[in-house]
């Protein structure tokens, strides 16, 4: 009977060893798959965050562009620069002198009436 017990103990130890060795590969595969899945989740979360940031930046640029377009349509006429005002007053003085030379009465002109926003002097 001693041999029968020893055979049972030997079989139990052998089965425990085989179970441990046999479970090693599936457990390591599972750990590898879990690590891979965790890494993919991190990558996807990062991509979503970057996509949101780009969407916010795009909306901010759109809002700024729309504000600039609306500001252009509501812009008040610009005042002439000192150089443009000087040229306008010189043109007005020249017109006065020409009308005086011709003998007609001069019509007063101000620099603002002779300058238009379309005229650009460099």
N, C-alpha and C. Protein backbone atom coordinates (compact mmCIF):
# COMPACT_ATOMS: atom_id res chain seq x y z
N UNK A 1 0.78 -1.17 0.00
CA UNK A 1 0.00 0.00 0.00
C UNK A 1 0.84 1.26 0.00
N UNK A 2 2.04 1.16 0.51
CA UNK A 2 2.94 2.30 0.53
C UNK A 2 3.26 2.74 -0.87
N UNK A 3 3.37 1.80 -1.75
CA UNK A 3 3.64 2.17 -3.13
C UNK A 3 2.45 2.86 -3.77
N UNK A 4 1.26 2.48 -3.40
CA UNK A 4 0.06 3.10 -3.95
C UNK A 4 -0.05 4.55 -3.50
N UNK A 5 0.31 4.86 -2.26
CA UNK A 5 0.26 6.24 -1.77
C UNK A 5 1.32 7.07 -2.46
N UNK A 6 2.46 6.48 -2.59
CA UNK A 6 3.53 7.23 -3.25
C UNK A 6 3.17 7.53 -4.70
N UNK A 7 2.52 6.63 -5.34
CA UNK A 7 2.11 6.86 -6.73
C UNK A 7 1.07 7.97 -6.80
N UNK A 8 0.17 8.01 -5.82
CA UNK A 8 -0.84 9.06 -5.82
C UNK A 8 -0.21 10.43 -5.55
N UNK A 9 0.74 10.47 -4.62
CA UNK A 9 1.43 11.73 -4.32
C UNK A 9 2.23 12.18 -5.52
N UNK A 10 2.90 11.25 -6.14
CA UNK A 10 3.70 11.59 -7.32
C UNK A 10 2.80 12.11 -8.43
N UNK A 11 1.67 11.48 -8.63
CA UNK A 11 0.74 11.94 -9.66
C UNK A 11 0.19 13.34 -9.33
N UNK A 12 -0.12 13.60 -8.08
CA UNK A 12 -0.65 14.91 -7.68
C UNK A 12 0.40 16.01 -7.88
N UNK A 13 1.65 15.72 -7.51
CA UNK A 13 2.72 16.71 -7.69
C UNK A 13 2.96 16.95 -9.17
N UNK A 14 2.95 15.88 -9.94
CA UNK A 14 3.16 16.01 -11.39
C UNK A 14 2.04 16.83 -12.03
N UNK A 15 0.81 16.60 -11.60
CA UNK A 15 -0.32 17.36 -12.16
C UNK A 15 -0.26 18.84 -11.75
N UNK A 16 0.16 19.07 -10.53
CA UNK A 16 0.30 20.48 -10.09
C UNK A 16 1.38 21.20 -10.90
N UNK A 17 2.49 20.49 -11.13
CA UNK A 17 3.55 21.09 -11.94
C UNK A 17 3.09 21.34 -13.37
N UNK A 18 2.39 20.39 -13.94
CA UNK A 18 1.89 20.55 -15.30
C UNK A 18 0.86 21.67 -15.39
N UNK A 19 0.02 21.78 -14.38
CA UNK A 19 -0.98 22.87 -14.37
C UNK A 19 -0.29 24.22 -14.29
N UNK A 20 0.74 24.31 -13.47
CA UNK A 20 1.46 25.58 -13.35
C UNK A 20 2.17 25.92 -14.64
N UNK A 21 2.83 24.94 -15.24
CA UNK A 21 3.53 25.18 -16.51
C UNK A 21 2.52 25.46 -17.62
N UNK A 22 1.43 24.72 -17.61
CA UNK A 22 0.42 24.91 -18.65
C UNK A 22 -0.30 26.24 -18.56
N UNK A 23 -0.47 26.77 -17.35
CA UNK A 23 -1.13 28.06 -17.18
C UNK A 23 -0.19 29.24 -17.41
N UNK A 24 1.09 29.00 -17.48
CA UNK A 24 2.06 30.09 -17.65
C UNK A 24 1.88 30.84 -18.95
N UNK A 25 1.71 30.11 -20.03
CA UNK A 25 1.57 30.74 -21.35
C UNK A 25 0.27 31.54 -21.45
N UNK A 26 -0.88 31.01 -21.09
CA UNK A 26 -2.10 31.82 -21.16
C UNK A 26 -2.06 33.05 -20.24
N UNK A 27 -1.48 32.89 -19.04
CA UNK A 27 -1.40 34.04 -18.13
C UNK A 27 -0.49 35.13 -18.69
N UNK A 28 0.63 34.73 -19.26
CA UNK A 28 1.53 35.74 -19.82
C UNK A 28 0.91 36.39 -21.06
N UNK A 29 0.17 35.61 -21.84
CA UNK A 29 -0.53 36.18 -23.00
C UNK A 29 -1.58 37.19 -22.55
N UNK A 30 -2.29 36.82 -21.49
CA UNK A 30 -3.31 37.72 -20.96
C UNK A 30 -2.70 39.03 -20.48
N UNK A 31 -1.59 38.95 -19.78
CA UNK A 31 -0.90 40.16 -19.33
C UNK A 31 -0.45 41.01 -20.51
N UNK A 32 0.05 40.35 -21.55
CA UNK A 32 0.48 41.08 -22.75
C UNK A 32 -0.70 41.76 -23.42
N UNK A 33 -1.82 41.06 -23.54
CA UNK A 33 -3.01 41.66 -24.15
C UNK A 33 -3.55 42.82 -23.32
N UNK A 34 -3.50 42.68 -21.99
CA UNK A 34 -3.96 43.77 -21.13
C UNK A 34 -3.08 45.01 -21.27
N UNK A 35 -1.77 44.80 -21.34
CA UNK A 35 -0.85 45.92 -21.53
C UNK A 35 -1.07 46.58 -22.88
N UNK A 36 -1.28 45.78 -23.91
CA UNK A 36 -1.53 46.32 -25.25
C UNK A 36 -2.83 47.11 -25.29
N UNK A 37 -3.86 46.58 -24.66
CA UNK A 37 -5.15 47.27 -24.63
C UNK A 37 -5.05 48.59 -23.86
N UNK A 38 -4.33 48.57 -22.76
CA UNK A 38 -4.14 49.81 -21.99
C UNK A 38 -3.39 50.85 -22.81
N UNK A 39 -2.37 50.44 -23.53
CA UNK A 39 -1.60 51.37 -24.37
C UNK A 39 -2.47 51.94 -25.49
N UNK A 40 -3.29 51.09 -26.11
CA UNK A 40 -4.18 51.58 -27.16
C UNK A 40 -5.19 52.58 -26.60
N UNK A 41 -5.72 52.31 -25.42
CA UNK A 41 -6.66 53.24 -24.80
C UNK A 41 -6.01 54.60 -24.55
N UNK A 42 -4.76 54.58 -24.10
CA UNK A 42 -4.04 55.84 -23.87
C UNK A 42 -3.82 56.59 -25.18
N UNK A 43 -3.47 55.86 -26.23
CA UNK A 43 -3.26 56.50 -27.54
C UNK A 43 -4.56 57.12 -28.05
N UNK A 44 -5.66 56.38 -27.94
CA UNK A 44 -6.94 56.91 -28.41
C UNK A 44 -7.39 58.12 -27.60
N UNK A 45 -7.18 58.07 -26.29
CA UNK A 45 -7.55 59.21 -25.44
C UNK A 45 -6.72 60.44 -25.81
N UNK A 46 -5.45 60.23 -26.09
CA UNK A 46 -4.58 61.34 -26.49
C UNK A 46 -5.03 61.91 -27.83
N UNK A 47 -5.39 61.03 -28.76
CA UNK A 47 -5.85 61.50 -30.08
C UNK A 47 -7.13 62.30 -29.96
N UNK A 48 -8.04 61.85 -29.12
CA UNK A 48 -9.30 62.58 -28.92
C UNK A 48 -9.02 63.95 -28.30
N UNK A 49 -8.10 64.00 -27.32
CA UNK A 49 -7.76 65.27 -26.67
C UNK A 49 -7.15 66.24 -27.69
N UNK A 50 -6.25 65.74 -28.53
CA UNK A 50 -5.65 66.60 -29.55
C UNK A 50 -6.69 67.06 -30.56
N UNK A 51 -7.62 66.19 -30.90
CA UNK A 51 -8.68 66.56 -31.83
C UNK A 51 -9.55 67.66 -31.24
N UNK A 52 -9.85 67.57 -29.96
CA UNK A 52 -10.64 68.62 -29.30
C UNK A 52 -9.88 69.94 -29.28
N UNK A 53 -8.58 69.88 -28.98
CA UNK A 53 -7.78 71.10 -28.94
C UNK A 53 -7.73 71.76 -30.32
N UNK A 54 -7.58 70.95 -31.37
CA UNK A 54 -7.57 71.51 -32.72
C UNK A 54 -8.93 72.11 -33.08
N UNK A 55 -10.00 71.48 -32.66
CA UNK A 55 -11.33 72.01 -32.93
C UNK A 55 -11.52 73.34 -32.22
N UNK A 56 -11.04 73.45 -30.98
CA UNK A 56 -11.15 74.71 -30.24
C UNK A 56 -10.32 75.79 -30.91
N UNK A 57 -9.11 75.44 -31.34
CA UNK A 57 -8.25 76.42 -32.03
C UNK A 57 -8.89 76.86 -33.34
N UNK A 58 -9.49 75.92 -34.06
CA UNK A 58 -10.16 76.26 -35.31
C UNK A 58 -11.35 77.18 -35.09
N UNK A 59 -12.12 76.91 -34.05
CA UNK A 59 -13.26 77.77 -33.74
C UNK A 59 -12.80 79.16 -33.32
N UNK A 60 -11.72 79.22 -32.57
CA UNK A 60 -11.20 80.52 -32.15
C UNK A 60 -10.74 81.33 -33.36
N UNK A 61 -10.08 80.68 -34.29
CA UNK A 61 -9.65 81.37 -35.51
C UNK A 61 -10.85 81.82 -36.33
N UNK A 62 -11.88 80.99 -36.40
CA UNK A 62 -13.08 81.36 -37.14
C UNK A 62 -13.76 82.57 -36.50
N UNK A 63 -13.86 82.56 -35.18
CA UNK A 63 -14.50 83.67 -34.48
C UNK A 63 -13.70 84.96 -34.69
N UNK A 64 -12.37 84.87 -34.60
CA UNK A 64 -11.54 86.06 -34.79
C UNK A 64 -11.67 86.59 -36.22
N UNK A 65 -11.67 85.68 -37.19
CA UNK A 65 -11.83 86.10 -38.58
C UNK A 65 -13.19 86.75 -38.83
N UNK A 66 -14.24 86.16 -38.28
CA UNK A 66 -15.57 86.74 -38.44
C UNK A 66 -15.66 88.11 -37.77
N UNK A 67 -15.03 88.24 -36.61
CA UNK A 67 -15.03 89.54 -35.92
C UNK A 67 -14.29 90.59 -36.75
N UNK A 68 -13.19 90.19 -37.38
CA UNK A 68 -12.47 91.14 -38.22
C UNK A 68 -13.29 91.53 -39.44
N UNK A 69 -13.98 90.58 -40.03
CA UNK A 69 -14.82 90.89 -41.20
C UNK A 69 -15.94 91.84 -40.79
N UNK A 70 -16.57 91.55 -39.67
CA UNK A 70 -17.65 92.43 -39.21
C UNK A 70 -17.11 93.81 -38.83
N UNK A 71 -15.92 93.86 -38.28
CA UNK A 71 -15.32 95.15 -37.92
C UNK A 71 -15.02 95.97 -39.16
N UNK A 72 -14.65 95.31 -40.25
CA UNK A 72 -14.38 96.04 -41.49
C UNK A 72 -15.65 96.68 -42.04
N UNK A 73 -16.77 95.98 -41.92
CA UNK A 73 -18.01 96.52 -42.46
C UNK A 73 -18.56 97.66 -41.60
N UNK A 74 -18.16 97.70 -40.32
CA UNK A 74 -18.64 98.75 -39.43
C UNK A 74 -17.60 99.84 -39.19
N UNK A 75 -16.49 99.79 -39.87
CA UNK A 75 -15.41 100.72 -39.61
C UNK A 75 -15.80 102.14 -40.02
N UNK A 76 -15.44 103.07 -39.19
CA UNK A 76 -15.67 104.48 -39.49
C UNK A 76 -14.63 104.94 -40.51
N UNK A 77 -14.97 105.96 -41.30
CA UNK A 77 -13.97 106.45 -42.24
C UNK A 77 -12.73 106.93 -41.48
N UNK A 78 -11.59 106.60 -42.01
CA UNK A 78 -10.36 106.98 -41.35
C UNK A 78 -10.07 108.46 -41.55
N UNK A 79 -9.44 109.03 -40.55
CA UNK A 79 -9.02 110.43 -40.67
C UNK A 79 -7.77 110.47 -41.53
N UNK A 80 -7.60 111.54 -42.28
CA UNK A 80 -6.41 111.62 -43.12
C UNK A 80 -5.15 111.74 -42.26
N UNK A 81 -4.08 111.20 -42.78
CA UNK A 81 -2.80 111.34 -42.10
C UNK A 81 -2.34 112.78 -42.24
N UNK A 82 -1.39 113.22 -41.43
CA UNK A 82 -0.90 114.60 -41.57
C UNK A 82 -0.39 114.90 -42.98
N UNK A 83 0.25 113.94 -43.59
CA UNK A 83 0.75 114.15 -44.96
C UNK A 83 -0.41 114.34 -45.93
N UNK A 84 -1.45 113.51 -45.80
CA UNK A 84 -2.61 113.65 -46.69
C UNK A 84 -3.32 114.98 -46.44
N UNK A 85 -3.41 115.41 -45.19
CA UNK A 85 -4.04 116.69 -44.89
C UNK A 85 -3.23 117.83 -45.47
N UNK A 86 -1.91 117.72 -45.41
CA UNK A 86 -1.05 118.76 -45.97
C UNK A 86 -1.22 118.85 -47.48
N UNK A 87 -1.28 117.70 -48.13
CA UNK A 87 -1.47 117.70 -49.59
C UNK A 87 -2.84 118.28 -49.93
N UNK A 88 -3.86 117.92 -49.13
CA UNK A 88 -5.19 118.47 -49.39
C UNK A 88 -5.23 119.98 -49.22
N UNK A 89 -4.54 120.51 -48.20
CA UNK A 89 -4.54 121.97 -48.02
C UNK A 89 -3.74 122.66 -49.11
N UNK A 90 -2.67 122.01 -49.58
CA UNK A 90 -1.91 122.59 -50.69
C UNK A 90 -2.74 122.61 -51.98
N UNK A 91 -3.49 121.55 -52.20
CA UNK A 91 -4.37 121.53 -53.38
C UNK A 91 -5.44 122.61 -53.27
N UNK A 92 -5.99 122.79 -52.06
CA UNK A 92 -6.99 123.84 -51.87
C UNK A 92 -6.38 125.22 -52.10
N UNK A 93 -5.16 125.44 -51.60
CA UNK A 93 -4.49 126.74 -51.81
C UNK A 93 -4.19 126.97 -53.28
N UNK A 94 -3.77 125.92 -53.99
CA UNK A 94 -3.50 126.04 -55.42
C UNK A 94 -4.78 126.39 -56.17
N UNK A 95 -5.90 125.78 -55.80
CA UNK A 95 -7.17 126.10 -56.45
C UNK A 95 -7.56 127.55 -56.18
N UNK A 96 -7.30 128.06 -54.99
CA UNK A 96 -7.58 129.47 -54.67
C UNK A 96 -6.75 130.40 -55.54
N UNK A 97 -5.48 130.08 -55.63
CA UNK A 97 -4.60 130.93 -56.44
C UNK A 97 -5.00 130.92 -57.90
N UNK A 98 -5.39 129.76 -58.41
CA UNK A 98 -5.81 129.68 -59.81
C UNK A 98 -7.08 130.47 -60.06
N UNK A 99 -8.03 130.41 -59.12
CA UNK A 99 -9.26 131.17 -59.31
C UNK A 99 -9.01 132.67 -59.15
N UNK A 100 -8.11 133.06 -58.26
CA UNK A 100 -7.76 134.48 -58.12
C UNK A 100 -7.08 134.99 -59.38
N UNK A 101 -6.24 134.16 -59.95
CA UNK A 101 -5.54 134.56 -61.17
C UNK A 101 -6.54 134.72 -62.31
N UNK A 102 -7.55 133.89 -62.34
CA UNK A 102 -8.55 133.98 -63.41
C UNK A 102 -9.56 135.09 -63.13
N UNK A 103 -9.56 135.63 -61.91
CA UNK A 103 -10.47 136.72 -61.59
C UNK A 103 -11.77 136.27 -60.97
N UNK A 104 -11.93 135.05 -60.70
CA UNK A 104 -13.16 134.55 -60.07
C UNK A 104 -12.97 134.54 -58.56
N UNK A 105 -14.09 134.45 -57.86
CA UNK A 105 -14.00 134.38 -56.40
C UNK A 105 -13.70 132.94 -56.00
N UNK A 106 -12.79 132.75 -55.10
CA UNK A 106 -12.43 131.38 -54.73
C UNK A 106 -13.51 130.73 -53.86
N UNK A 107 -13.67 129.44 -54.03
CA UNK A 107 -14.57 128.68 -53.16
C UNK A 107 -13.71 128.01 -52.09
N UNK A 108 -14.08 128.25 -50.83
CA UNK A 108 -13.24 127.67 -49.77
C UNK A 108 -13.33 126.15 -49.76
N UNK A 109 -12.17 125.52 -49.65
CA UNK A 109 -12.10 124.05 -49.57
C UNK A 109 -11.30 123.69 -48.33
N UNK A 110 -11.77 122.71 -47.63
CA UNK A 110 -11.03 122.23 -46.47
C UNK A 110 -10.31 120.95 -46.85
N UNK A 111 -9.26 120.60 -46.15
CA UNK A 111 -8.55 119.37 -46.50
C UNK A 111 -9.43 118.13 -46.41
N UNK A 112 -10.39 118.12 -45.51
CA UNK A 112 -11.22 116.93 -45.39
C UNK A 112 -12.15 116.78 -46.59
N UNK A 113 -12.50 117.89 -47.25
CA UNK A 113 -13.39 117.77 -48.40
C UNK A 113 -12.63 117.39 -49.66
N UNK A 114 -11.31 117.58 -49.66
CA UNK A 114 -10.55 117.22 -50.86
C UNK A 114 -9.98 115.81 -50.77
N UNK A 115 -9.97 115.25 -49.58
CA UNK A 115 -9.39 113.91 -49.41
C UNK A 115 -10.48 112.88 -49.31
N UNK A 116 -10.32 111.76 -50.00
CA UNK A 116 -11.24 110.63 -49.90
C UNK A 116 -10.45 109.41 -49.44
N UNK A 117 -11.13 108.44 -48.85
CA UNK A 117 -10.41 107.23 -48.38
C UNK A 117 -9.76 106.45 -49.51
N UNK A 118 -10.26 106.64 -50.76
CA UNK A 118 -9.68 105.90 -51.88
C UNK A 118 -8.32 106.43 -52.27
N UNK A 119 -8.00 107.66 -51.90
CA UNK A 119 -6.71 108.24 -52.25
C UNK A 119 -5.68 107.80 -51.23
N UNK A 120 -4.63 107.23 -51.69
CA UNK A 120 -3.56 106.82 -50.81
C UNK A 120 -2.28 107.46 -51.31
N UNK A 121 -1.63 108.17 -50.42
CA UNK A 121 -0.39 108.84 -50.77
C UNK A 121 0.74 108.13 -50.04
N UNK A 122 1.74 107.75 -50.76
CA UNK A 122 2.87 107.09 -50.12
C UNK A 122 4.06 108.01 -50.03
